[in-house]
């Protein structure tokens, strides 16, 4: 399974490099295309796992004035 992340920035918020540093420290990898980052679970993730990583992303990006969307695909 993989969780994909799209991040929208504000000119009044954190820099893209700061957002990148925080997300990559969590295990996300930057990518080009329709999504900005991907998190590879390596196996199936439960709904609780997905919610927990969403919570972690929110806490990690808190105060940077960014908005994000997370989409998880794959698995059964």
C-alpha atoms as a PDB file:
ATOM      1  CA  UNK A   1       0.000   0.000   0.000  1.00  0.00           C
ATOM      2  CA  UNK A   2       1.023   3.565  -0.591  1.00  0.00           C
ATOM      3  CA  UNK A   3      -0.222   6.859   0.800  1.00  0.00           C
ATOM      4  CA  UNK A   4       0.088   9.848  -1.495  1.00  0.00           C
ATOM      5  CA  UNK A   5       0.189  13.419  -0.279  1.00  0.00           C
ATOM      6  CA  UNK A   6      -0.588  16.696  -2.033  1.00  0.00           C
ATOM      7  CA  UNK A   7       0.474  19.888  -0.262  1.00  0.00           C
ATOM      8  CA  UNK A   8      -0.843  23.408  -0.928  1.00  0.00           C
ATOM      9  CA  UNK A   9       1.313  26.294   0.263  1.00  0.00           C
ATOM     10  CA  UNK A  10       0.483  29.793   1.445  1.00  0.00           C
ATOM     11  CA  UNK A  11       2.747  32.752   0.777  1.00  0.00           C
ATOM     12  CA  UNK A  12       2.365  33.556   4.477  1.00  0.00           C
ATOM     13  CA  UNK A  13       3.430  30.120   5.682  1.00  0.00           C
ATOM     14  CA  UNK A  14       6.413  27.811   5.866  1.00  0.00           C
ATOM     15  CA  UNK A  15       8.805  27.339   2.992  1.00  0.00           C
ATOM     16  CA  UNK A  16       8.627  24.346   0.680  1.00  0.00           C
ATOM     17  CA  UNK A  17      12.062  23.243   1.901  1.00  0.00           C
ATOM     18  CA  UNK A  18      10.891  23.226   5.546  1.00  0.00           C
ATOM     19  CA  UNK A  19       7.800  21.214   4.618  1.00  0.00           C
ATOM     20  CA  UNK A  20      10.006  18.819   2.661  1.00  0.00           C
ATOM     21  CA  UNK A  21      12.409  18.394   5.588  1.00  0.00           C
ATOM     22  CA  UNK A  22       9.589  17.586   7.981  1.00  0.00           C
ATOM     23  CA  UNK A  23       7.802  15.141   5.681  1.00  0.00           C
ATOM     24  CA  UNK A  24      10.934  13.278   4.626  1.00  0.00           C
ATOM     25  CA  UNK A  25      11.874  12.925   8.314  1.00  0.00           C
ATOM     26  CA  UNK A  26       8.551  11.070   8.688  1.00  0.00           C
ATOM     27  CA  UNK A  27       9.445   8.655   5.889  1.00  0.00           C
ATOM     28  CA  UNK A  28       7.674  10.320   2.965  1.00  0.00           C
ATOM     29  CA  UNK A  29       9.549  10.573  -0.324  1.00  0.00           C
ATOM     30  CA  UNK A  30       9.217  13.588  -2.594  1.00  0.00           C
ATOM     31  CA  UNK A  31       7.992  12.853  -6.106  1.00  0.00           C
ATOM     32  CA  UNK A  32       6.988  14.647  -9.278  1.00  0.00           C
ATOM     33  CA  UNK A  33       3.600  14.374 -10.908  1.00  0.00           C
ATOM     34  CA  UNK A  34       0.046  14.411  -9.627  1.00  0.00           C
ATOM     35  CA  UNK A  35       1.242  13.920  -6.032  1.00  0.00           C
ATOM     36  CA  UNK A  36       3.992  15.662  -4.083  1.00  0.00           C
ATOM     37  CA  UNK A  37       4.969  12.852  -1.671  1.00  0.00           C
ATOM     38  CA  UNK A  38       4.528   9.118  -1.227  1.00  0.00           C
ATOM     39  CA  UNK A  39       4.707   6.918   1.848  1.00  0.00           C
ATOM     40  CA  UNK A  40       5.285   3.243   1.071  1.00  0.00           C
ATOM     41  CA  UNK A  41       3.793   1.030   3.760  1.00  0.00           C
ATOM     42  CA  UNK A  42       5.630  -2.016   2.450  1.00  0.00           C
ATOM     43  CA  UNK A  43       2.530  -4.105   3.191  1.00  0.00           C
ATOM     44  CA  UNK A  44      -1.150  -3.599   3.883  1.00  0.00           C
ATOM     45  CA  UNK A  45      -2.041  -0.857   6.335  1.00  0.00           C
ATOM     46  CA  UNK A  46      -5.152  -0.798   8.471  1.00  0.00           C
ATOM     47  CA  UNK A  47      -7.583   2.091   8.583  1.00  0.00           C
ATOM     48  CA  UNK A  48      -6.171   2.950  12.019  1.00  0.00           C
ATOM     49  CA  UNK A  49      -2.633   3.067  10.538  1.00  0.00           C
ATOM     50  CA  UNK A  50      -3.803   5.431   7.809  1.00  0.00           C
ATOM     51  CA  UNK A  51      -5.590   7.681  10.293  1.00  0.00           C
ATOM     52  CA  UNK A  52      -2.531   7.732  12.544  1.00  0.00           C
ATOM     53  CA  UNK A  53      -0.218   8.820   9.745  1.00  0.00           C
ATOM     54  CA  UNK A  54      -2.747  11.503   8.781  1.00  0.00           C
ATOM     55  CA  UNK A  55      -2.676  12.717  12.387  1.00  0.00           C
ATOM     56  CA  UNK A  56       1.137  12.705  12.356  1.00  0.00           C
ATOM     57  CA  UNK A  57       1.220  14.704   9.120  1.00  0.00           C
ATOM     58  CA  UNK A  58      -1.170  17.263  10.605  1.00  0.00           C
ATOM     59  CA  UNK A  59       0.950  17.637  13.756  1.00  0.00           C
ATOM     60  CA  UNK A  60       4.174  17.784  11.739  1.00  0.00           C
ATOM     61  CA  UNK A  61       2.881  20.533   9.451  1.00  0.00           C
ATOM     62  CA  UNK A  62       1.015  22.468  12.138  1.00  0.00           C
ATOM     63  CA  UNK A  63       1.979  26.137  12.170  1.00  0.00           C
ATOM     64  CA  UNK A  64       3.302  26.137   8.595  1.00  0.00           C
ATOM     65  CA  UNK A  65       0.007  27.384   7.106  1.00  0.00           C
ATOM     66  CA  UNK A  66      -0.224  24.567   4.556  1.00  0.00           C
ATOM     67  CA  UNK A  67      -3.133  22.384   3.535  1.00  0.00           C
ATOM     68  CA  UNK A  68      -2.749  18.744   2.566  1.00  0.00           C
ATOM     69  CA  UNK A  69      -4.682  15.891   1.060  1.00  0.00           C
ATOM     70  CA  UNK A  70      -3.790  12.263   1.723  1.00  0.00           C
ATOM     71  CA  UNK A  71      -4.883   9.382  -0.498  1.00  0.00           C
ATOM     72  CA  UNK A  72      -4.052   5.748   0.248  1.00  0.00           C
ATOM     73  CA  UNK A  73      -4.284   3.073  -2.444  1.00  0.00           C
ATOM     74  CA  UNK A  74      -3.466  -0.584  -2.807  1.00  0.00           C
ATOM     75  CA  UNK A  75      -4.014  -3.487  -0.490  1.00  0.00           C
ATOM     76  CA  UNK A  76      -7.164  -5.475  -0.046  1.00  0.00           C
END
